[in-house]
Amino acid sequence: MAETPEGGIDIEALENEGDIAADYIEGLLDIADFDGDIDMDVEGDRALVSVVGATLTELIGERGEVLEALQELTRLAVHRTTGERSRLMLDIGGYREGRRKVLFQVGTDAAKRVKETGEVYPLEPMTPFERKVVHDAVAAAGLRSESEGEEPHRYVVVHPAS
């Protein structure tokens, strides 16, 4: 993670990650002959690179699998240049933002169900990004959740309050 020697977030390093990632993604778009504009931002403790302005469903894939793969390739490109592990987030066509809203509701609904029944509730397998959003929603509802299983079948289990 990009941190200053004092332990704070190194915004300059995150912006550098975003620049490297944007160049990498721009090169991929050119090779694949896709149109799209690239936006860069820093969100919390990670760089966020978004491809916007075009219909890029081929780069998202079914349930975001292609997007996840592109994100990993982009993180590897950043690592190769900086020597540091990147937590960069890649979004294409607003897919992740839309999924975040849906998944937060999934987590909220699961927490509500567990509060009503008092029973543990497992959810369907999800990507790491999807699990993180659900964990955040469950925590916001005051319950506890854990990830179980092995990739690519890892899933969230919501537990009643202890």
Protein backbone atom coordinates (compact mmCIF):
# COMPACT_ATOMS: atom_id res chain seq x y z
CA MET A 1 0.00 0.00 0.00
CA ALA A 2 1.22 3.51 -0.74
CA GLU A 3 2.11 4.96 2.65
CA THR A 4 4.27 7.83 3.77
CA PRO A 5 7.12 7.11 6.23
CA GLU A 6 4.79 8.44 8.97
CA GLY A 7 2.20 5.79 8.08
CA GLY A 8 -0.24 8.09 6.26
CA ILE A 9 -1.57 7.58 2.77
CA ASP A 10 0.87 8.66 0.06
CA ILE A 11 -1.45 10.44 -2.38
CA GLU A 12 1.41 11.14 -4.81
CA ALA A 13 2.27 7.42 -4.99
CA LEU A 14 -1.39 6.54 -5.55
CA GLU A 15 -1.64 9.15 -8.30
CA ASN A 16 1.48 7.62 -9.87
CA GLU A 17 -0.19 4.18 -9.74
CA GLY A 18 -3.22 5.70 -11.45
CA ASP A 19 -1.03 7.22 -14.19
CA ILE A 20 0.73 3.90 -14.84
CA ALA A 21 -2.58 2.04 -14.87
CA ALA A 22 -4.20 4.59 -17.18
CA ASP A 23 -1.32 4.27 -19.66
CA TYR A 24 -1.58 0.49 -19.53
CA ILE A 25 -5.37 0.48 -20.03
CA GLU A 26 -5.10 3.07 -22.81
CA GLY A 27 -2.64 0.79 -24.59
CA LEU A 28 -5.02 -2.15 -24.26
CA LEU A 29 -7.93 -0.09 -25.58
CA ASP A 30 -5.83 0.97 -28.57
CA ILE A 31 -4.77 -2.62 -29.33
CA ALA A 32 -8.36 -3.86 -29.07
CA ASP A 33 -9.63 -0.83 -31.05
CA PHE A 34 -12.08 0.22 -28.30
CA ASP A 35 -13.06 3.80 -27.62
CA GLY A 36 -13.28 5.19 -24.13
CA ASP A 37 -11.98 7.96 -21.94
CA ILE A 38 -9.97 7.27 -18.82
CA ASP A 39 -10.63 9.00 -15.50
CA MET A 40 -8.27 8.73 -12.55
CA ASP A 41 -8.97 9.41 -8.91
CA VAL A 42 -7.83 8.42 -5.45
CA GLU A 43 -10.55 6.87 -3.31
CA GLY A 44 -9.56 6.22 0.29
CA ASP A 45 -6.31 4.28 0.22
CA ARG A 46 -6.37 3.17 -3.42
CA ALA A 47 -6.10 4.55 -6.90
CA LEU A 48 -9.28 4.33 -8.97
CA VAL A 49 -9.09 4.18 -12.75
CA SER A 50 -12.34 4.27 -14.74
CA VAL A 51 -12.97 3.76 -18.43
CA VAL A 52 -16.01 5.81 -19.42
CA GLY A 53 -17.85 7.13 -22.43
CA ALA A 54 -18.31 4.00 -24.49
CA THR A 55 -20.19 0.73 -24.47
CA LEU A 56 -17.55 -1.66 -23.27
CA THR A 57 -19.52 -4.72 -22.23
CA GLU A 58 -16.86 -6.96 -23.80
CA LEU A 59 -14.39 -5.58 -21.27
CA ILE A 60 -16.72 -6.28 -18.35
CA GLY A 61 -17.81 -9.81 -19.21
CA GLU A 62 -20.53 -11.87 -17.63
CA ARG A 63 -20.67 -11.03 -13.90
CA GLY A 64 -17.54 -8.89 -14.28
CA GLU A 65 -15.04 -11.71 -14.92
CA VAL A 66 -13.22 -9.89 -17.71
CA LEU A 67 -13.10 -6.71 -15.62
CA GLU A 68 -11.57 -8.66 -12.71
CA ALA A 69 -8.93 -10.14 -15.04
CA LEU A 70 -8.12 -6.72 -16.51
CA GLN A 71 -7.81 -5.29 -13.00
CA GLU A 72 -5.30 -8.01 -12.06
CA LEU A 73 -3.29 -7.43 -15.26
CA THR A 74 -3.31 -3.70 -14.56
CA ARG A 75 -2.15 -4.28 -10.98
CA LEU A 76 0.68 -6.44 -12.32
CA ALA A 77 1.69 -3.68 -14.75
CA VAL A 78 1.78 -1.20 -11.85
CA HIS A 79 3.78 -3.65 -9.72
CA ARG A 80 6.26 -4.22 -12.55
CA THR A 81 6.88 -0.47 -12.77
CA THR A 82 6.82 0.52 -9.08
CA GLY A 83 7.96 -2.68 -7.37
CA GLU A 84 5.06 -2.20 -4.95
CA ARG A 85 1.87 -4.26 -4.62
CA SER A 86 -1.09 -2.24 -5.87
CA ARG A 87 -4.67 -2.22 -4.56
CA LEU A 88 -5.79 -0.24 -7.59
CA MET A 89 -9.48 -0.47 -8.50
CA LEU A 90 -10.49 -0.58 -12.15
CA ASP A 91 -14.02 0.26 -13.25
CA ILE A 92 -15.41 0.10 -16.76
CA GLY A 93 -18.60 1.84 -17.82
CA GLY A 94 -19.69 2.34 -14.19
CA TYR A 95 -20.10 -1.42 -13.70
CA ARG A 96 -18.51 -1.54 -10.24
CA GLU A 97 -20.48 1.44 -8.96
CA GLY A 98 -23.73 -0.15 -10.09
CA ARG A 99 -22.73 -3.50 -8.57
CA ARG A 100 -21.75 -1.77 -5.33
CA LYS A 101 -25.29 -0.43 -4.88
CA VAL A 102 -26.89 -3.79 -5.66
CA LEU A 103 -24.49 -5.72 -3.42
CA PHE A 104 -24.87 -3.32 -0.51
CA GLN A 105 -28.60 -4.03 -0.68
CA VAL A 106 -27.89 -7.79 -0.83
CA GLY A 107 -25.81 -7.47 2.34
CA THR A 108 -28.45 -5.33 4.06
CA ASP A 109 -31.20 -7.81 3.13
CA ALA A 110 -29.12 -10.76 4.34
CA ALA A 111 -28.46 -9.03 7.66
CA LYS A 112 -32.18 -8.31 8.05
CA ARG A 113 -33.00 -11.97 7.38
CA VAL A 114 -30.43 -13.15 9.93
CA LYS A 115 -31.79 -10.70 12.53
CA GLU A 116 -35.31 -12.05 11.93
CA THR A 117 -34.44 -15.77 11.91
CA GLY A 118 -31.40 -15.83 14.20
CA GLU A 119 -29.85 -18.34 11.79
CA VAL A 120 -26.55 -18.24 9.89
CA TYR A 121 -27.14 -17.30 6.25
CA PRO A 122 -24.68 -18.20 3.45
CA LEU A 123 -24.74 -16.21 0.21
CA GLU A 124 -23.76 -17.19 -3.34
CA PRO A 125 -20.08 -17.22 -4.42
CA MET A 126 -18.70 -13.76 -5.16
CA THR A 127 -15.55 -11.99 -6.30
CA PRO A 128 -13.33 -10.33 -3.67
CA PHE A 129 -14.77 -6.91 -4.60
CA GLU A 130 -18.34 -8.19 -4.21
CA ARG A 131 -17.58 -9.87 -0.86
CA LYS A 132 -16.02 -6.67 0.49
CA VAL A 133 -19.15 -4.65 -0.32
CA VAL A 134 -21.39 -7.27 1.32
CA HIS A 135 -19.14 -7.44 4.42
CA ASP A 136 -19.38 -3.63 4.72
CA ALA A 137 -23.20 -3.74 4.47
CA VAL A 138 -23.45 -6.50 7.08
CA ALA A 139 -21.14 -4.60 9.44
CA ALA A 140 -23.21 -1.43 8.93
CA ALA A 141 -26.26 -3.45 10.00
CA GLY A 142 -24.44 -4.43 13.21
CA LEU A 143 -23.80 -8.09 12.37
CA ARG A 144 -20.74 -10.19 11.64
CA SER A 145 -19.84 -11.95 8.39
CA GLU A 146 -17.02 -14.17 7.19
CA SER A 147 -15.80 -15.41 3.83
CA GLU A 148 -15.66 -19.18 3.41
CA GLY A 149 -14.72 -21.59 0.64
CA GLU A 150 -12.00 -21.50 -1.96
CA GLU A 151 -11.76 -19.26 -5.04
CA PRO A 152 -13.64 -19.08 -7.33
CA HIS A 153 -16.38 -20.47 -5.06
CA ARG A 154 -15.65 -18.23 -2.05
CA TYR A 155 -18.79 -16.81 -0.46
CA VAL A 156 -20.01 -14.69 2.47
CA VAL A 157 -21.71 -16.19 5.51
CA VAL A 158 -23.73 -13.80 7.69
CA HIS A 159 -23.84 -14.63 11.41
CA PRO A 160 -26.37 -13.51 14.02
CA ALA A 161 -25.22 -11.10 16.73
CA SER A 162 -23.46 -12.92 19.55
